[in-house]
């Protein structure tokens, strides 16, 4: 019995020594330098590019200009021309309503953008309906007015939005477009 006990102690000591050796050897390699050798000439950075402004698939849109009278916003009966240039005074909110109509295409998800060719400095866009957001943009950014608008076949969605800029801005609405998500 005593001999069996000694063999158990010996096996336990050997197992403990092996476990200690594995742990010591495994952790000694952690002192290797883990910094990455990044040479900017070898690698190109990831960049996002927007391709394909899609205006097809039977979805159309029209934008109406709003005026404020005693805190109530009313919109023009006729839409702005597709090549309209709208002067937005500094520090004032300028209101718009865009009607997006889906044709017979079926259920669609679209986004409404204003291209970055507008030179506008710092600008804020507020969405009053579908979602209520207030976003800040700087010149050169692509202005996403509303994203993920889901429409059924032959449905019209109204997007109410406003623009407020730090300095006077001219918005070129001919650069407004739909993108299918």
C-alpha atoms as a PDB file:
ATOM      1  CA  UNK A   1       0.000   0.000   0.000  1.00  0.00           C
ATOM      2  CA  UNK A   2       2.837   2.331   0.878  1.00  0.00           C
ATOM      3  CA  UNK A   3       4.509   1.510  -2.457  1.00  0.00           C
ATOM      4  CA  UNK A   4       1.293   2.422  -4.359  1.00  0.00           C
ATOM      5  CA  UNK A   5       1.117   5.714  -2.469  1.00  0.00           C
ATOM      6  CA  UNK A   6       4.701   6.546  -3.445  1.00  0.00           C
ATOM      7  CA  UNK A   7       3.938   5.769  -7.116  1.00  0.00           C
ATOM      8  CA  UNK A   8       0.895   8.113  -6.976  1.00  0.00           C
ATOM      9  CA  UNK A   9       3.063  10.866  -5.481  1.00  0.00           C
ATOM     10  CA  UNK A  10       5.681  10.323  -8.175  1.00  0.00           C
ATOM     11  CA  UNK A  11       3.087  10.458 -10.990  1.00  0.00           C
ATOM     12  CA  UNK A  12       1.549  13.598  -9.443  1.00  0.00           C
ATOM     13  CA  UNK A  13       4.953  15.281  -9.216  1.00  0.00           C
ATOM     14  CA  UNK A  14       5.790  14.398 -12.828  1.00  0.00           C
ATOM     15  CA  UNK A  15       2.390  15.707 -14.026  1.00  0.00           C
ATOM     16  CA  UNK A  16       2.850  18.904 -12.024  1.00  0.00           C
ATOM     17  CA  UNK A  17       6.365  19.373 -13.444  1.00  0.00           C
ATOM     18  CA  UNK A  18       5.072  18.847 -17.024  1.00  0.00           C
ATOM     19  CA  UNK A  19       2.197  21.286 -16.476  1.00  0.00           C
ATOM     20  CA  UNK A  20       4.590  23.881 -15.060  1.00  0.00           C
ATOM     21  CA  UNK A  21       6.949  23.398 -18.003  1.00  0.00           C
ATOM     22  CA  UNK A  22       4.103  23.862 -20.513  1.00  0.00           C
ATOM     23  CA  UNK A  23       2.958  27.033 -18.781  1.00  0.00           C
ATOM     24  CA  UNK A  24       6.477  28.469 -18.544  1.00  0.00           C
ATOM     25  CA  UNK A  25       7.349  27.669 -22.161  1.00  0.00           C
ATOM     26  CA  UNK A  26       4.012  29.005 -23.411  1.00  0.00           C
ATOM     27  CA  UNK A  27       4.307  32.320 -21.622  1.00  0.00           C
ATOM     28  CA  UNK A  28       7.958  32.944 -22.427  1.00  0.00           C
ATOM     29  CA  UNK A  29       7.066  33.570 -26.068  1.00  0.00           C
ATOM     30  CA  UNK A  30       4.850  36.476 -25.084  1.00  0.00           C
ATOM     31  CA  UNK A  31       7.877  38.740 -24.850  1.00  0.00           C
ATOM     32  CA  UNK A  32       8.208  38.739 -28.667  1.00  0.00           C
ATOM     33  CA  UNK A  33       7.473  42.104 -30.238  1.00  0.00           C
ATOM     34  CA  UNK A  34       3.879  42.202 -31.479  1.00  0.00           C
ATOM     35  CA  UNK A  35       3.992  45.549 -33.254  1.00  0.00           C
ATOM     36  CA  UNK A  36       3.010  45.305 -36.873  1.00  0.00           C
ATOM     37  CA  UNK A  37       5.342  46.455 -39.562  1.00  0.00           C
ATOM     38  CA  UNK A  38       3.081  48.816 -41.463  1.00  0.00           C
ATOM     39  CA  UNK A  39       4.703  50.331 -44.496  1.00  0.00           C
ATOM     40  CA  UNK A  40       2.216  52.666 -46.138  1.00  0.00           C
ATOM     41  CA  UNK A  41       3.800  52.010 -49.515  1.00  0.00           C
ATOM     42  CA  UNK A  42       2.963  48.275 -49.271  1.00  0.00           C
ATOM     43  CA  UNK A  43      -0.641  48.645 -48.237  1.00  0.00           C
ATOM     44  CA  UNK A  44      -3.501  50.790 -49.435  1.00  0.00           C
ATOM     45  CA  UNK A  45      -6.053  51.996 -46.949  1.00  0.00           C
ATOM     46  CA  UNK A  46      -9.661  50.934 -47.196  1.00  0.00           C
ATOM     47  CA  UNK A  47     -11.776  53.590 -48.857  1.00  0.00           C
ATOM     48  CA  UNK A  48     -15.511  53.847 -49.421  1.00  0.00           C
ATOM     49  CA  UNK A  49     -16.659  54.942 -52.828  1.00  0.00           C
ATOM     50  CA  UNK A  50     -20.234  55.441 -53.889  1.00  0.00           C
ATOM     51  CA  UNK A  51     -21.042  53.998 -57.268  1.00  0.00           C
ATOM     52  CA  UNK A  52     -24.181  54.082 -59.315  1.00  0.00           C
ATOM     53  CA  UNK A  53     -26.805  56.704 -58.663  1.00  0.00           C
ATOM     54  CA  UNK A  54     -29.931  54.787 -59.493  1.00  0.00           C
ATOM     55  CA  UNK A  55     -32.909  56.860 -60.574  1.00  0.00           C
ATOM     56  CA  UNK A  56     -34.720  54.049 -62.364  1.00  0.00           C
ATOM     57  CA  UNK A  57     -36.975  51.248 -61.179  1.00  0.00           C
ATOM     58  CA  UNK A  58     -40.049  53.479 -61.526  1.00  0.00           C
ATOM     59  CA  UNK A  59     -39.507  55.583 -58.387  1.00  0.00           C
ATOM     60  CA  UNK A  60     -39.823  59.331 -58.808  1.00  0.00           C
ATOM     61  CA  UNK A  61     -39.582  62.258 -56.422  1.00  0.00           C
ATOM     62  CA  UNK A  62     -40.547  65.925 -56.291  1.00  0.00           C
ATOM     63  CA  UNK A  63     -39.411  68.539 -53.771  1.00  0.00           C
ATOM     64  CA  UNK A  64     -41.570  71.398 -52.512  1.00  0.00           C
ATOM     65  CA  UNK A  65     -40.325  74.521 -50.739  1.00  0.00           C
ATOM     66  CA  UNK A  66     -41.863  75.477 -47.387  1.00  0.00           C
ATOM     67  CA  UNK A  67     -42.487  78.854 -45.818  1.00  0.00           C
ATOM     68  CA  UNK A  68     -43.045  79.632 -42.148  1.00  0.00           C
ATOM     69  CA  UNK A  69     -45.911  81.890 -41.098  1.00  0.00           C
ATOM     70  CA  UNK A  70     -46.460  82.353 -37.328  1.00  0.00           C
ATOM     71  CA  UNK A  71     -44.738  79.050 -36.592  1.00  0.00           C
ATOM     72  CA  UNK A  72     -46.812  77.099 -39.124  1.00  0.00           C
ATOM     73  CA  UNK A  73     -45.053  75.633 -42.149  1.00  0.00           C
ATOM     74  CA  UNK A  74     -46.921  75.616 -45.436  1.00  0.00           C
ATOM     75  CA  UNK A  75     -45.587  74.135 -48.653  1.00  0.00           C
ATOM     76  CA  UNK A  76     -45.919  75.384 -52.217  1.00  0.00           C
ATOM     77  CA  UNK A  77     -48.505  73.778 -54.495  1.00  0.00           C
ATOM     78  CA  UNK A  78     -46.023  73.299 -57.335  1.00  0.00           C
ATOM     79  CA  UNK A  79     -42.766  71.376 -56.916  1.00  0.00           C
ATOM     80  CA  UNK A  80     -39.415  73.050 -57.403  1.00  0.00           C
ATOM     81  CA  UNK A  81     -37.839  72.588 -60.806  1.00  0.00           C
ATOM     82  CA  UNK A  82     -35.449  69.655 -61.039  1.00  0.00           C
ATOM     83  CA  UNK A  83     -32.596  72.113 -61.661  1.00  0.00           C
ATOM     84  CA  UNK A  84     -33.595  74.561 -58.896  1.00  0.00           C
ATOM     85  CA  UNK A  85     -30.987  76.526 -56.995  1.00  0.00           C
ATOM     86  CA  UNK A  86     -32.269  77.426 -53.511  1.00  0.00           C
ATOM     87  CA  UNK A  87     -30.657  80.210 -51.494  1.00  0.00           C
ATOM     88  CA  UNK A  88     -30.552  79.334 -47.790  1.00  0.00           C
ATOM     89  CA  UNK A  89     -29.828  82.382 -45.580  1.00  0.00           C
ATOM     90  CA  UNK A  90     -27.252  82.083 -42.786  1.00  0.00           C
ATOM     91  CA  UNK A  91     -28.602  80.821 -39.472  1.00  0.00           C
ATOM     92  CA  UNK A  92     -32.184  80.334 -40.706  1.00  0.00           C
ATOM     93  CA  UNK A  93     -33.985  77.042 -41.181  1.00  0.00           C
ATOM     94  CA  UNK A  94     -35.230  76.456 -44.702  1.00  0.00           C
ATOM     95  CA  UNK A  95     -37.980  73.841 -45.065  1.00  0.00           C
ATOM     96  CA  UNK A  96     -38.633  71.259 -47.774  1.00  0.00           C
ATOM     97  CA  UNK A  97     -41.053  68.427 -48.429  1.00  0.00           C
ATOM     98  CA  UNK A  98     -40.036  65.654 -50.813  1.00  0.00           C
ATOM     99  CA  UNK A  99     -42.631  63.242 -52.151  1.00  0.00           C
ATOM    100  CA  UNK A 100     -41.185  59.915 -53.267  1.00  0.00           C
ATOM    101  CA  UNK A 101     -43.523  57.760 -55.345  1.00  0.00           C
ATOM    102  CA  UNK A 102     -42.904  54.100 -56.035  1.00  0.00           C
ATOM    103  CA  UNK A 103     -44.234  52.872 -59.371  1.00  0.00           C
ATOM    104  CA  UNK A 104     -45.335  49.326 -60.109  1.00  0.00           C
ATOM    105  CA  UNK A 105     -41.998  47.871 -59.075  1.00  0.00           C
ATOM    106  CA  UNK A 106     -43.154  46.213 -55.850  1.00  0.00           C
ATOM    107  CA  UNK A 107     -41.805  46.854 -52.370  1.00  0.00           C
ATOM    108  CA  UNK A 108     -38.650  48.984 -52.524  1.00  0.00           C
ATOM    109  CA  UNK A 109     -36.214  50.461 -50.056  1.00  0.00           C
ATOM    110  CA  UNK A 110     -34.642  53.731 -51.173  1.00  0.00           C
ATOM    111  CA  UNK A 111     -32.479  56.506 -49.757  1.00  0.00           C
ATOM    112  CA  UNK A 112     -32.611  60.196 -50.674  1.00  0.00           C
ATOM    113  CA  UNK A 113     -29.281  61.980 -51.163  1.00  0.00           C
ATOM    114  CA  UNK A 114     -27.974  65.380 -52.188  1.00  0.00           C
ATOM    115  CA  UNK A 115     -24.641  65.122 -53.989  1.00  0.00           C
ATOM    116  CA  UNK A 116     -21.378  66.491 -52.594  1.00  0.00           C
ATOM    117  CA  UNK A 117     -20.874  68.870 -55.520  1.00  0.00           C
ATOM    118  CA  UNK A 118     -22.704  71.516 -53.475  1.00  0.00           C
ATOM    119  CA  UNK A 119     -20.218  73.794 -51.751  1.00  0.00           C
ATOM    120  CA  UNK A 120     -21.910  74.603 -48.481  1.00  0.00           C
ATOM    121  CA  UNK A 121     -19.394  74.878 -45.646  1.00  0.00           C
ATOM    122  CA  UNK A 122     -20.966  73.567 -42.424  1.00  0.00           C
ATOM    123  CA  UNK A 123     -24.599  72.603 -42.780  1.00  0.00           C
ATOM    124  CA  UNK A 124     -27.197  70.810 -40.679  1.00  0.00           C
ATOM    125  CA  UNK A 125     -30.080  68.767 -42.005  1.00  0.00           C
ATOM    126  CA  UNK A 126     -33.040  67.961 -39.819  1.00  0.00           C
ATOM    127  CA  UNK A 127     -35.611  65.318 -40.665  1.00  0.00           C
ATOM    128  CA  UNK A 128     -39.087  66.026 -39.345  1.00  0.00           C
ATOM    129  CA  UNK A 129     -40.693  62.827 -40.607  1.00  0.00           C
ATOM    130  CA  UNK A 130     -40.072  59.514 -41.139  1.00  0.00           C
ATOM    131  CA  UNK A 131     -37.370  59.544 -38.496  1.00  0.00           C
ATOM    132  CA  UNK A 132     -36.603  62.605 -36.435  1.00  0.00           C
ATOM    133  CA  UNK A 133     -32.893  63.308 -36.736  1.00  0.00           C
ATOM    134  CA  UNK A 134     -30.560  66.276 -36.922  1.00  0.00           C
ATOM    135  CA  UNK A 135     -27.267  65.691 -38.739  1.00  0.00           C
ATOM    136  CA  UNK A 136     -24.249  67.929 -39.266  1.00  0.00           C
ATOM    137  CA  UNK A 137     -22.237  67.883 -42.483  1.00  0.00           C
ATOM    138  CA  UNK A 138     -19.220  69.742 -43.770  1.00  0.00           C
ATOM    139  CA  UNK A 139     -18.412  70.721 -47.325  1.00  0.00           C
ATOM    140  CA  UNK A 140     -17.460  67.709 -49.408  1.00  0.00           C
ATOM    141  CA  UNK A 141     -19.715  65.260 -47.528  1.00  0.00           C
ATOM    142  CA  UNK A 142     -22.516  63.512 -49.345  1.00  0.00           C
ATOM    143  CA  UNK A 143     -25.736  64.677 -47.728  1.00  0.00           C
ATOM    144  CA  UNK A 144     -27.975  61.761 -46.808  1.00  0.00           C
ATOM    145  CA  UNK A 145     -31.364  63.336 -46.317  1.00  0.00           C
ATOM    146  CA  UNK A 146     -33.222  60.124 -45.493  1.00  0.00           C
ATOM    147  CA  UNK A 147     -32.079  56.520 -45.538  1.00  0.00           C
ATOM    148  CA  UNK A 148     -33.996  53.214 -45.705  1.00  0.00           C
ATOM    149  CA  UNK A 149     -37.371  54.477 -46.880  1.00  0.00           C
ATOM    150  CA  UNK A 150     -39.490  51.377 -47.448  1.00  0.00           C
ATOM    151  CA  UNK A 151     -42.368  51.752 -49.895  1.00  0.00           C
ATOM    152  CA  UNK A 152     -44.940  49.372 -51.298  1.00  0.00           C
ATOM    153  CA  UNK A 153     -45.954  49.330 -54.951  1.00  0.00           C
ATOM    154  CA  UNK A 154     -47.651  52.587 -56.015  1.00  0.00           C
ATOM    155  CA  UNK A 155     -47.121  54.160 -52.571  1.00  0.00           C
ATOM    156  CA  UNK A 156     -46.071  57.771 -51.976  1.00  0.00           C
ATOM    157  CA  UNK A 157     -43.924  58.667 -48.966  1.00  0.00           C
ATOM    158  CA  UNK A 158     -43.536  62.234 -47.708  1.00  0.00           C
ATOM    159  CA  UNK A 159     -40.178  63.267 -46.281  1.00  0.00           C
ATOM    160  CA  UNK A 160     -40.234  66.573 -44.400  1.00  0.00           C
ATOM    161  CA  UNK A 161     -36.771  68.055 -43.895  1.00  0.00           C
ATOM    162  CA  UNK A 162     -35.031  71.359 -43.278  1.00  0.00           C
ATOM    163  CA  UNK A 163     -31.611  72.870 -43.833  1.00  0.00           C
ATOM    164  CA  UNK A 164     -29.807  75.247 -41.504  1.00  0.00           C
ATOM    165  CA  UNK A 165     -26.366  76.605 -42.368  1.00  0.00           C
ATOM    166  CA  UNK A 166     -23.802  78.735 -40.540  1.00  0.00           C
ATOM    167  CA  UNK A 167     -23.303  80.901 -43.611  1.00  0.00           C
ATOM    168  CA  UNK A 168     -25.450  81.590 -46.671  1.00  0.00           C
ATOM    169  CA  UNK A 169     -25.667  78.488 -48.885  1.00  0.00           C
ATOM    170  CA  UNK A 170     -26.967  77.744 -52.349  1.00  0.00           C
ATOM    171  CA  UNK A 171     -28.386  74.227 -52.604  1.00  0.00           C
ATOM    172  CA  UNK A 172     -28.363  72.751 -56.089  1.00  0.00           C
ATOM    173  CA  UNK A 173     -31.406  70.469 -56.090  1.00  0.00           C
ATOM    174  CA  UNK A 174     -30.497  69.103 -59.519  1.00  0.00           C
ATOM    175  CA  UNK A 175     -27.942  67.028 -57.583  1.00  0.00           C
ATOM    176  CA  UNK A 176     -30.664  65.250 -55.547  1.00  0.00           C
ATOM    177  CA  UNK A 177     -31.053  61.549 -56.296  1.00  0.00           C
ATOM    178  CA  UNK A 178     -32.480  58.249 -55.071  1.00  0.00           C
ATOM    179  CA  UNK A 179     -30.412  55.147 -54.320  1.00  0.00           C
ATOM    180  CA  UNK A 180     -31.977  51.733 -53.985  1.00  0.00           C
ATOM    181  CA  UNK A 181     -30.910  49.937 -50.802  1.00  0.00           C
END
